[in-house]
PDB file of N, CA and C in Angstrom:
ATOM      1  N   MET A   1       0.767  -1.367  -0.132  1.00  0.00           N
ATOM      2  CA  MET A   1       0.050  -0.092  -0.133  1.00  0.00           C
ATOM      3  C   MET A   1       0.864   1.360   0.116  1.00  0.00           C
ATOM      4  N   ALA A   2       0.690   2.168  -0.704  1.00  0.00           N
ATOM      5  CA  ALA A   2       1.268   3.515  -0.821  1.00  0.00           C
ATOM      6  C   ALA A   2       1.102   4.405   0.316  1.00  0.00           C
ATOM      7  N   ALA A   3       2.084   5.084   0.657  1.00  0.00           N
ATOM      8  CA  ALA A   3       1.973   6.091   1.926  1.00  0.00           C
ATOM      9  C   ALA A   3       0.889   7.010   1.735  1.00  0.00           C
ATOM     10  N   MET A   4       0.229   7.516   2.733  1.00  0.00           N
ATOM     11  CA  MET A   4      -0.647   8.529   2.750  1.00  0.00           C
ATOM     12  C   MET A   4       0.051   9.757   2.696  1.00  0.00           C
ATOM     13  N   LEU A   5      -0.543  10.748   2.131  1.00  0.00           N
ATOM     14  CA  LEU A   5      -0.110  12.215   2.001  1.00  0.00           C
ATOM     15  C   LEU A   5      -0.517  12.883   3.350  1.00  0.00           C
ATOM     16  N   ASN A   6       0.376  13.602   3.836  1.00  0.00           N
ATOM     17  CA  ASN A   6       0.202  14.346   4.965  1.00  0.00           C
ATOM     18  C   ASN A   6      -0.230  16.004   4.616  1.00  0.00           C
ATOM     19  N   ALA A   7      -0.918  16.551   5.424  1.00  0.00           N
ATOM     20  CA  ALA A   7      -1.184  17.944   5.247  1.00  0.00           C
ATOM     21  C   ALA A   7      -0.029  18.781   4.666  1.00  0.00           C
ATOM     22  N   GLY A   8      -0.049  19.355   3.589  1.00  0.00           N
ATOM     23  CA  GLY A   8       1.003  20.214   2.891  1.00  0.00           C
ATOM     24  C   GLY A   8       1.769  19.545   2.049  1.00  0.00           C
ATOM     25  N   ALA A   9       1.537  18.183   1.946  1.00  0.00           N
ATOM     26  CA  ALA A   9       2.522  17.364   1.252  1.00  0.00           C
ATOM     27  C   ALA A   9       2.210  17.591  -0.378  1.00  0.00           C
ATOM     28  N   THR A  10       3.238  17.467  -1.138  1.00  0.00           N
ATOM     29  CA  THR A  10       3.248  17.563  -2.678  1.00  0.00           C
ATOM     30  C   THR A  10       2.560  16.500  -3.135  1.00  0.00           C
ATOM     31  N   PHE A  11       1.357  16.570  -4.089  1.00  0.00           N
ATOM     32  CA  PHE A  11       0.934  15.287  -4.673  1.00  0.00           C
ATOM     33  C   PHE A  11       1.719  14.769  -5.689  1.00  0.00           C
ATOM     34  N   PRO A  12       2.088  13.394  -5.613  1.00  0.00           N
ATOM     35  CA  PRO A  12       3.054  12.913  -6.544  1.00  0.00           C
ATOM     36  C   PRO A  12       2.636  12.809  -7.950  1.00  0.00           C
ATOM     37  N   GLN A  13       3.635  12.975  -8.782  1.00  0.00           N
ATOM     38  CA  GLN A  13       3.375  12.986 -10.194  1.00  0.00           C
ATOM     39  C   GLN A  13       2.662  11.527 -10.844  1.00  0.00           C
ATOM     40  N   MET A  14       1.706  11.415 -11.401  1.00  0.00           N
ATOM     41  CA  MET A  14       1.448  10.262 -12.146  1.00  0.00           C
ATOM     42  C   MET A  14       0.707  10.376 -13.458  1.00  0.00           C
ATOM     43  N   THR A  15       0.620   9.511 -14.287  1.00  0.00           N
ATOM     44  CA  THR A  15       0.231   9.649 -15.596  1.00  0.00           C
ATOM     45  C   THR A  15      -0.967   8.523 -15.556  1.00  0.00           C
ATOM     46  N   LEU A  16      -2.245   9.016 -15.891  1.00  0.00           N
ATOM     47  CA  LEU A  16      -3.470   8.164 -15.975  1.00  0.00           C
ATOM     48  C   LEU A  16      -3.830   7.941 -17.256  1.00  0.00           C
ATOM     49  N   LYS A  17      -4.185   6.677 -17.657  1.00  0.00           N
ATOM     50  CA  LYS A  17      -4.727   6.372 -18.851  1.00  0.00           C
ATOM     51  C   LYS A  17      -6.168   6.640 -19.042  1.00  0.00           C
ATOM     52  N   LEU A  18      -6.779   7.362 -19.629  1.00  0.00           N
ATOM     53  CA  LEU A  18      -8.267   7.672 -20.062  1.00  0.00           C
ATOM     54  C   LEU A  18      -8.925   6.762 -20.754  1.00  0.00           C
ATOM     55  N   THR A  19     -10.303   6.634 -20.591  1.00  0.00           N
ATOM     56  CA  THR A  19     -11.183   5.843 -21.234  1.00  0.00           C
ATOM     57  C   THR A  19     -11.207   6.061 -22.957  1.00  0.00           C
ATOM     58  N   ASP A  20     -10.860   7.166 -23.178  1.00  0.00           N
ATOM     59  CA  ASP A  20     -10.963   7.500 -24.580  1.00  0.00           C
ATOM     60  C   ASP A  20      -9.688   7.202 -25.328  1.00  0.00           C
ATOM     61  N   GLY A  21      -8.593   6.635 -24.638  1.00  0.00           N
ATOM     62  CA  GLY A  21      -7.373   6.387 -25.301  1.00  0.00           C
ATOM     63  C   GLY A  21      -6.222   7.460 -24.758  1.00  0.00           C
ATOM     64  N   GLY A  22      -6.695   8.640 -24.258  1.00  0.00           N
ATOM     65  CA  GLY A  22      -5.730   9.703 -24.060  1.00  0.00           C
ATOM     66  C   GLY A  22      -4.943   9.307 -22.688  1.00  0.00           C
ATOM     67  N   SER A  23      -4.246  10.520 -22.342  1.00  0.00           N
ATOM     68  CA  SER A  23      -3.749  10.185 -20.661  1.00  0.00           C
ATOM     69  C   SER A  23      -3.752  11.474 -20.218  1.00  0.00           C
ATOM     70  N   ARG A  24      -3.648  11.730 -18.926  1.00  0.00           N
ATOM     71  CA  ARG A  24      -3.842  12.871 -18.126  1.00  0.00           C
ATOM     72  C   ARG A  24      -2.584  12.677 -17.070  1.00  0.00           C
ATOM     73  N   THR A  25      -1.850  13.788 -16.892  1.00  0.00           N
ATOM     74  CA  THR A  25      -0.612  13.720 -16.041  1.00  0.00           C
ATOM     75  C   THR A  25      -1.015  14.531 -14.920  1.00  0.00           C
ATOM     76  N   LEU A  26      -0.999  14.008 -13.774  1.00  0.00           N
ATOM     77  CA  LEU A  26      -1.475  14.813 -12.519  1.00  0.00           C
ATOM     78  C   LEU A  26      -0.131  15.092 -11.672  1.00  0.00           C
ATOM     79  N   PRO A  27       0.228  16.220 -11.279  1.00  0.00           N
ATOM     80  CA  PRO A  27      -0.596  17.330 -11.255  1.00  0.00           C
ATOM     81  C   PRO A  27      -0.534  18.484 -12.319  1.00  0.00           C
ATOM     82  N   ALA A  28       0.606  18.002 -13.014  1.00  0.00           N
ATOM     83  CA  ALA A  28       1.051  18.926 -14.437  1.00  0.00           C
ATOM     84  C   ALA A  28      -0.173  19.364 -14.968  1.00  0.00           C
ATOM     85  N   ASP A  29      -1.133  18.550 -15.489  1.00  0.00           N
ATOM     86  CA  ASP A  29      -2.207  18.886 -16.335  1.00  0.00           C
ATOM     87  C   ASP A  29      -3.312  19.762 -15.719  1.00  0.00           C
ATOM     88  N   LEU A  30      -3.329  19.851 -14.515  1.00  0.00           N
ATOM     89  CA  LEU A  30      -4.374  20.523 -13.772  1.00  0.00           C
ATOM     90  C   LEU A  30      -4.130  22.076 -13.944  1.00  0.00           C
ATOM     91  N   ASP A  31      -5.522  22.852 -14.163  1.00  0.00           N
ATOM     92  CA  ASP A  31      -5.503  24.259 -14.322  1.00  0.00           C
ATOM     93  C   ASP A  31      -5.522  25.084 -12.995  1.00  0.00           C
ATOM     94  N   GLN A  32      -6.037  24.476 -12.001  1.00  0.00           N
ATOM     95  CA  GLN A  32      -6.171  25.117 -10.911  1.00  0.00           C
ATOM     96  C   GLN A  32      -5.433  24.715  -9.612  1.00  0.00           C
ATOM     97  N   PRO A  33      -4.843  25.271  -8.599  1.00  0.00           N
ATOM     98  CA  PRO A  33      -4.039  24.927  -7.548  1.00  0.00           C
ATOM     99  C   PRO A  33      -4.773  24.006  -6.730  1.00  0.00           C
ATOM    100  N   TRP A  34      -6.141  24.187  -6.573  1.00  0.00           N
ATOM    101  CA  TRP A  34      -6.677  23.434  -5.629  1.00  0.00           C
ATOM    102  C   TRP A  34      -7.869  22.441  -6.453  1.00  0.00           C
ATOM    103  N   THR A  35      -7.803  21.267  -6.320  1.00  0.00           N
ATOM    104  CA  THR A  35      -8.398  20.159  -7.290  1.00  0.00           C
ATOM    105  C   THR A  35      -8.797  18.996  -6.449  1.00  0.00           C
ATOM    106  N   VAL A  36      -9.895  18.448  -6.538  1.00  0.00           N
ATOM    107  CA  VAL A  36     -10.266  16.987  -5.856  1.00  0.00           C
ATOM    108  C   VAL A  36     -10.134  16.197  -7.092  1.00  0.00           C
ATOM    109  N   VAL A  37      -9.414  15.052  -6.727  1.00  0.00           N
ATOM    110  CA  VAL A  37      -9.329  13.858  -7.696  1.00  0.00           C
ATOM    111  C   VAL A  37      -9.942  12.774  -6.789  1.00  0.00           C
ATOM    112  N   LEU A  38     -10.984  12.055  -7.609  1.00  0.00           N
ATOM    113  CA  LEU A  38     -11.570  10.837  -7.267  1.00  0.00           C
ATOM    114  C   LEU A  38     -11.311   9.589  -8.004  1.00  0.00           C
ATOM    115  N   PHE A  39     -10.716   8.824  -7.363  1.00  0.00           N
ATOM    116  CA  PHE A  39     -10.467   7.611  -8.064  1.00  0.00           C
ATOM    117  C   PHE A  39     -11.833   6.422  -7.882  1.00  0.00           C
ATOM    118  N   TYR A  40     -12.261   6.111  -8.935  1.00  0.00           N
ATOM    119  CA  TYR A  40     -13.207   5.152  -8.882  1.00  0.00           C
ATOM    120  C   TYR A  40     -12.998   4.031  -9.568  1.00  0.00           C
ATOM    121  N   ARG A  41     -12.814   2.815  -8.891  1.00  0.00           N
ATOM    122  CA  ARG A  41     -12.285   1.492  -9.448  1.00  0.00           C
ATOM    123  C   ARG A  41     -13.295   0.696 -10.492  1.00  0.00           C
ATOM    124  N   GLY A  42     -14.433   1.266 -10.396  1.00  0.00           N
ATOM    125  CA  GLY A  42     -15.720   0.520 -11.196  1.00  0.00           C
ATOM    126  C   GLY A  42     -16.046  -0.612 -10.464  1.00  0.00           C
ATOM    127  N   HIS A  43     -16.902  -1.309 -11.259  1.00  0.00           N
ATOM    128  CA  HIS A  43     -17.630  -2.563 -10.687  1.00  0.00           C
ATOM    129  C   HIS A  43     -16.674  -3.850 -11.492  1.00  0.00           C
ATOM    130  N   TRP A  44     -16.113  -4.558 -10.564  1.00  0.00           N
ATOM    131  CA  TRP A  44     -15.150  -5.609 -11.041  1.00  0.00           C
ATOM    132  C   TRP A  44     -15.908  -6.847 -10.898  1.00  0.00           C
TER     133      TRP A  44
END
């Protein structure tokens, strides 16, 4: 399990594959300094 972020910690850079075939790199591709990121694993 990955380590939890503490208050004031920098969000780690990660690249996510999107369902349309594209990708999004967080946090570099975000337009706002404050963003909520929700990870939904879906129904398996």
